[in-house]
N, C-alpha and C. Protein backbone atom coordinates (compact mmCIF):
# COMPACT_ATOMS: atom_id res chain seq x y z
N UNK A 1 129.26 92.65 153.71
CA UNK A 1 128.16 93.68 153.31
C UNK A 1 126.93 93.18 152.74
N UNK A 2 125.83 93.34 153.24
CA UNK A 2 124.80 92.53 152.44
C UNK A 2 124.40 93.23 151.19
N UNK A 3 123.97 92.27 150.42
CA UNK A 3 123.75 93.13 148.94
C UNK A 3 122.54 94.15 149.13
N UNK A 4 122.49 94.95 148.35
CA UNK A 4 121.62 96.09 148.14
C UNK A 4 120.21 95.52 147.76
N UNK A 5 119.09 96.01 148.31
CA UNK A 5 117.77 95.53 147.94
C UNK A 5 116.91 96.76 147.03
N UNK A 6 116.69 96.06 146.07
CA UNK A 6 115.84 96.81 145.21
C UNK A 6 114.34 97.48 146.01
N UNK A 7 114.16 98.97 145.79
CA UNK A 7 112.67 99.16 146.64
C UNK A 7 111.69 98.54 146.24
N UNK A 8 110.74 98.36 146.95
CA UNK A 8 109.56 97.62 146.59
C UNK A 8 108.66 98.50 145.61
N UNK A 9 108.03 97.94 144.64
CA UNK A 9 107.47 99.11 143.81
C UNK A 9 106.01 99.10 144.03
N UNK A 10 105.52 100.54 144.21
CA UNK A 10 104.36 100.91 144.55
C UNK A 10 103.21 100.73 143.39
N UNK A 11 102.12 100.31 143.55
CA UNK A 11 100.98 100.45 142.66
C UNK A 11 100.27 101.30 142.77
N UNK A 12 99.73 102.13 141.68
CA UNK A 12 98.82 103.16 141.42
C UNK A 12 97.88 102.74 140.51
N UNK A 13 96.58 102.68 140.69
CA UNK A 13 95.63 102.39 139.69
C UNK A 13 96.05 100.92 138.92
N UNK A 14 96.69 100.22 139.66
CA UNK A 14 96.91 98.91 139.27
C UNK A 14 97.99 98.47 138.30
N UNK A 15 98.88 99.77 138.31
CA UNK A 15 99.96 99.47 137.31
C UNK A 15 101.08 99.67 138.24
N UNK A 16 102.19 98.82 137.79
CA UNK A 16 103.33 98.93 138.99
C UNK A 16 104.37 100.00 138.52
N UNK A 17 104.80 100.53 139.41
CA UNK A 17 105.96 101.72 139.26
C UNK A 17 107.18 101.34 138.60
N UNK A 18 107.54 100.02 138.59
CA UNK A 18 108.73 99.37 138.17
C UNK A 18 108.42 98.69 136.85
N UNK A 19 107.14 98.78 136.42
CA UNK A 19 106.88 98.24 134.80
C UNK A 19 107.83 98.73 133.87
N UNK A 20 108.51 97.71 133.08
CA UNK A 20 109.38 98.07 132.04
C UNK A 20 108.74 97.81 130.69
N UNK A 21 107.43 97.24 130.62
CA UNK A 21 106.75 97.40 129.18
C UNK A 21 106.88 98.63 128.47
N UNK A 22 106.93 98.66 127.29
CA UNK A 22 106.71 99.63 126.70
C UNK A 22 105.57 99.77 125.80
N UNK A 23 105.09 100.97 125.79
CA UNK A 23 103.68 101.27 125.40
C UNK A 23 103.95 101.01 123.79
N UNK A 24 103.02 100.39 123.17
CA UNK A 24 102.82 100.24 121.73
C UNK A 24 101.94 101.24 120.97
N UNK A 25 101.19 102.31 121.69
CA UNK A 25 100.40 103.05 121.04
C UNK A 25 101.19 104.03 120.30
N UNK A 26 100.85 104.63 119.03
CA UNK A 26 101.88 105.48 118.52
C UNK A 26 101.64 107.10 119.30
N UNK A 27 102.79 107.52 119.14
CA UNK A 27 103.10 108.68 119.46
C UNK A 27 102.75 110.02 118.70
N UNK A 28 101.64 110.53 119.08
CA UNK A 28 101.23 111.41 118.28
C UNK A 28 101.56 112.77 118.95
N UNK A 29 101.89 114.03 118.42
CA UNK A 29 102.48 115.00 119.04
C UNK A 29 101.19 116.13 119.40
N UNK A 30 101.74 116.42 120.53
CA UNK A 30 100.65 117.52 121.17
C UNK A 30 100.69 118.75 120.34
N UNK A 31 99.42 119.60 120.43
CA UNK A 31 99.42 120.69 119.69
C UNK A 31 100.58 121.72 119.64
N UNK A 32 100.93 121.61 121.22
CA UNK A 32 102.14 122.69 121.63
C UNK A 32 103.50 122.14 121.38
N UNK A 33 103.74 120.98 120.66
CA UNK A 33 104.89 120.25 120.29
C UNK A 33 105.29 120.89 119.16
N UNK A 34 106.60 121.22 118.62
CA UNK A 34 107.12 121.41 117.45
C UNK A 34 108.07 120.56 117.10
N UNK A 35 107.83 119.97 115.90
CA UNK A 35 108.63 118.86 115.38
C UNK A 35 109.39 119.51 114.03
N UNK A 36 110.51 119.26 113.74
CA UNK A 36 111.39 119.62 112.58
C UNK A 36 111.99 118.09 112.06
N UNK A 37 111.65 117.85 110.83
CA UNK A 37 112.50 116.80 110.34
C UNK A 37 113.76 117.11 109.76
N UNK A 38 114.88 116.28 110.29
CA UNK A 38 116.10 116.86 109.95
C UNK A 38 116.74 115.89 109.02
N UNK A 39 116.24 114.63 108.64
CA UNK A 39 116.50 113.74 107.72
C UNK A 39 115.59 112.55 107.87
N UNK A 40 115.69 111.53 107.08
CA UNK A 40 114.74 110.38 107.06
C UNK A 40 114.34 109.78 108.48
N UNK A 41 115.43 109.70 109.38
CA UNK A 41 115.14 109.17 110.62
C UNK A 41 115.24 110.17 111.74
N UNK A 42 115.85 111.09 111.58
CA UNK A 42 115.94 112.09 112.63
C UNK A 42 115.22 113.18 112.96
N UNK A 43 114.57 113.88 114.13
CA UNK A 43 113.96 114.79 114.07
C UNK A 43 114.18 115.70 115.46
N UNK A 44 114.00 117.04 115.09
CA UNK A 44 114.03 118.27 116.36
C UNK A 44 112.85 118.17 116.90
N UNK A 45 112.56 118.18 118.28
CA UNK A 45 111.44 118.50 118.81
C UNK A 45 111.39 119.61 119.95
N UNK A 46 110.55 120.33 120.15
CA UNK A 46 110.49 121.31 121.12
C UNK A 46 109.07 121.02 121.95
N UNK A 47 109.18 120.32 123.12
CA UNK A 47 108.18 119.90 123.85
C UNK A 47 108.24 120.10 125.38
N UNK A 48 107.20 119.80 126.04
CA UNK A 48 107.37 119.77 127.57
C UNK A 48 107.14 118.43 128.43
N UNK A 49 108.21 118.22 129.39
CA UNK A 49 108.14 117.09 130.02
C UNK A 49 108.19 117.33 131.59
N UNK A 50 107.13 116.78 132.21
CA UNK A 50 106.87 117.40 133.84
C UNK A 50 107.26 118.69 134.00
N UNK A 51 106.77 119.81 133.11
CA UNK A 51 106.79 121.10 133.00
C UNK A 51 107.96 121.92 132.82
N UNK A 52 109.07 121.04 132.19
CA UNK A 52 110.15 121.56 131.59
C UNK A 52 110.18 121.63 130.15
N UNK A 53 110.59 122.59 129.70
CA UNK A 53 110.74 122.86 128.26
C UNK A 53 112.29 122.24 127.88
N UNK A 54 111.84 121.43 126.68
CA UNK A 54 113.14 120.71 126.41
C UNK A 54 113.21 120.86 124.70
N UNK A 55 114.38 120.77 124.27
CA UNK A 55 114.78 120.70 123.05
C UNK A 55 115.30 119.53 122.63
N UNK A 56 114.83 118.73 122.06
CA UNK A 56 115.29 117.21 121.56
C UNK A 56 115.55 116.71 120.15
N UNK A 57 116.76 116.03 120.18
CA UNK A 57 116.87 115.57 118.76
C UNK A 57 116.92 114.15 119.14
N UNK A 58 116.08 113.18 118.13
CA UNK A 58 116.20 111.86 118.38
C UNK A 58 115.96 111.03 117.09
N UNK A 59 116.54 109.67 117.01
CA UNK A 59 116.19 108.93 115.98
C UNK A 59 114.76 108.22 115.80
N UNK A 60 114.26 108.08 114.94
CA UNK A 60 112.83 107.65 114.88
C UNK A 60 113.01 106.50 114.18
N UNK A 61 112.07 105.58 114.26
CA UNK A 61 111.84 104.24 113.23
C UNK A 61 110.41 104.15 112.90
N UNK A 62 110.02 103.37 112.10
CA UNK A 62 108.79 103.09 111.57
C UNK A 62 108.39 101.76 111.85
N UNK A 63 107.04 101.83 112.77
CA UNK A 63 106.72 100.38 113.13
C UNK A 63 106.04 99.75 112.22
N UNK A 64 105.38 98.79 112.56
CA UNK A 64 104.82 97.75 111.51
C UNK A 64 103.29 98.40 111.00
N UNK A 65 103.01 99.33 111.79
CA UNK A 65 101.62 99.93 111.16
C UNK A 65 102.04 101.18 110.31
N UNK A 66 103.25 101.55 110.14
CA UNK A 66 103.65 102.58 109.21
C UNK A 66 103.71 104.15 110.19
N UNK A 67 103.81 103.91 111.44
CA UNK A 67 103.70 105.18 112.21
C UNK A 67 105.25 105.33 112.77
N UNK A 68 105.60 106.63 112.75
CA UNK A 68 106.92 106.91 113.26
C UNK A 68 106.99 106.79 114.63
N UNK A 69 107.95 106.07 115.16
CA UNK A 69 108.10 105.98 116.99
C UNK A 69 109.32 106.42 117.36
N UNK A 70 109.88 107.13 118.49
CA UNK A 70 111.12 107.53 118.83
C UNK A 70 111.83 106.27 119.44
N UNK A 71 113.16 106.37 118.86
CA UNK A 71 113.80 105.45 119.28
C UNK A 71 114.71 105.64 120.19
N UNK A 72 115.62 104.96 120.68
CA UNK A 72 116.26 105.01 121.83
C UNK A 72 117.57 106.03 121.90
N UNK A 73 118.07 106.40 120.87
CA UNK A 73 119.25 107.40 120.42
C UNK A 73 118.48 108.53 120.20
N UNK A 74 118.98 109.49 121.11
CA UNK A 74 118.54 110.88 121.10
C UNK A 74 119.20 111.65 122.47
N UNK A 75 118.93 113.16 122.46
CA UNK A 75 119.28 113.89 123.45
C UNK A 75 118.02 114.73 123.66
N UNK A 76 118.09 115.19 124.84
CA UNK A 76 117.19 116.60 125.11
C UNK A 76 117.97 117.54 125.99
N UNK A 77 118.06 118.86 125.56
CA UNK A 77 118.62 119.69 126.28
C UNK A 77 117.77 120.99 126.63
N UNK A 78 118.38 121.64 127.70
CA UNK A 78 117.54 122.79 128.35
C UNK A 78 117.50 123.98 127.17
N UNK A 79 116.48 124.78 127.33
CA UNK A 79 116.36 126.04 126.61
C UNK A 79 118.08 126.83 126.63
N UNK A 80 118.47 126.90 128.06
CA UNK A 80 119.55 127.43 128.13
C UNK A 80 120.88 126.67 127.53
N UNK A 81 120.88 125.35 127.59
CA UNK A 81 122.12 124.77 126.47
C UNK A 81 121.71 125.05 125.17
N UNK A 82 120.49 125.21 124.70
CA UNK A 82 120.10 125.55 123.15
C UNK A 82 120.57 126.98 123.07
N UNK A 83 120.47 128.09 123.87
CA UNK A 83 120.94 129.24 123.77
C UNK A 83 122.48 129.26 123.51
N UNK A 84 123.09 128.37 124.15
CA UNK A 84 124.68 128.59 124.14
C UNK A 84 125.12 127.83 122.61
N UNK A 85 124.23 126.62 122.18
CA UNK A 85 124.54 126.36 120.77
C UNK A 85 124.46 127.36 120.12
N UNK A 86 123.11 128.21 120.06
CA UNK A 86 122.53 129.25 118.94
C UNK A 86 123.65 130.20 119.05
N UNK A 87 124.00 130.80 120.07
CA UNK A 87 125.00 131.89 119.94
C UNK A 87 126.24 131.52 119.75
N UNK A 88 126.74 130.04 119.42
CA UNK A 88 127.80 129.55 118.59
C UNK A 88 127.75 129.15 117.36
N UNK A 89 126.50 129.24 116.42
CA UNK A 89 126.03 128.46 115.35
C UNK A 89 127.41 128.97 114.52
N UNK A 90 127.83 129.98 114.30
CA UNK A 90 129.09 130.77 113.56
C UNK A 90 130.23 129.74 113.69
N UNK A 91 130.58 129.54 114.85
CA UNK A 91 131.99 128.79 115.17
C UNK A 91 131.71 127.21 114.86
N UNK A 92 130.58 126.91 115.07
CA UNK A 92 130.05 125.35 114.74
C UNK A 92 130.14 125.22 113.09
N UNK A 93 129.62 126.08 112.65
CA UNK A 93 129.60 126.03 110.89
C UNK A 93 130.82 126.12 110.28
N UNK A 94 132.02 127.15 110.98
CA UNK A 94 133.36 127.05 110.56
C UNK A 94 133.93 125.91 110.90
N UNK A 95 133.61 124.99 112.06
CA UNK A 95 134.50 123.77 112.45
C UNK A 95 133.79 122.69 111.34
N UNK A 96 132.50 122.85 111.04
CA UNK A 96 132.13 121.67 109.97
C UNK A 96 132.86 121.94 109.17
N UNK A 97 132.84 123.06 108.26
CA UNK A 97 133.48 123.65 106.99
C UNK A 97 134.89 123.11 106.97
N UNK A 98 135.52 123.35 108.23
CA UNK A 98 137.07 122.91 108.29
C UNK A 98 137.11 121.40 108.04
N UNK A 99 136.27 120.63 108.76
CA UNK A 99 136.30 119.15 108.72
C UNK A 99 136.05 118.60 107.27
N UNK A 100 135.17 119.31 106.47
CA UNK A 100 134.61 118.81 105.62
C UNK A 100 135.70 119.09 104.39
N UNK A 101 136.49 119.87 104.51
CA UNK A 101 137.49 120.49 103.47
C UNK A 101 138.50 119.23 103.18
């Protein structure tokens, strides 16, 4: 069986579609984005990506310019998944208290 070939990258406006370079410009929240600092390194955000509302929890790091940047570790869930979590907060709190005892 021949090896699978990678699809060829399409270029739009001189930028390769398969580029893996990360942008170094600071991430500034849009006015519609909600941000809640959970601790020194973690933030909860409510934002939109490609027209889809997401609730995200992500670790951030401070770059050399002192700006907070999103890291690799995190999760983004739908409003439906958030509603399930919210409906079960009492049980989640009880489980946390049980484990901390």
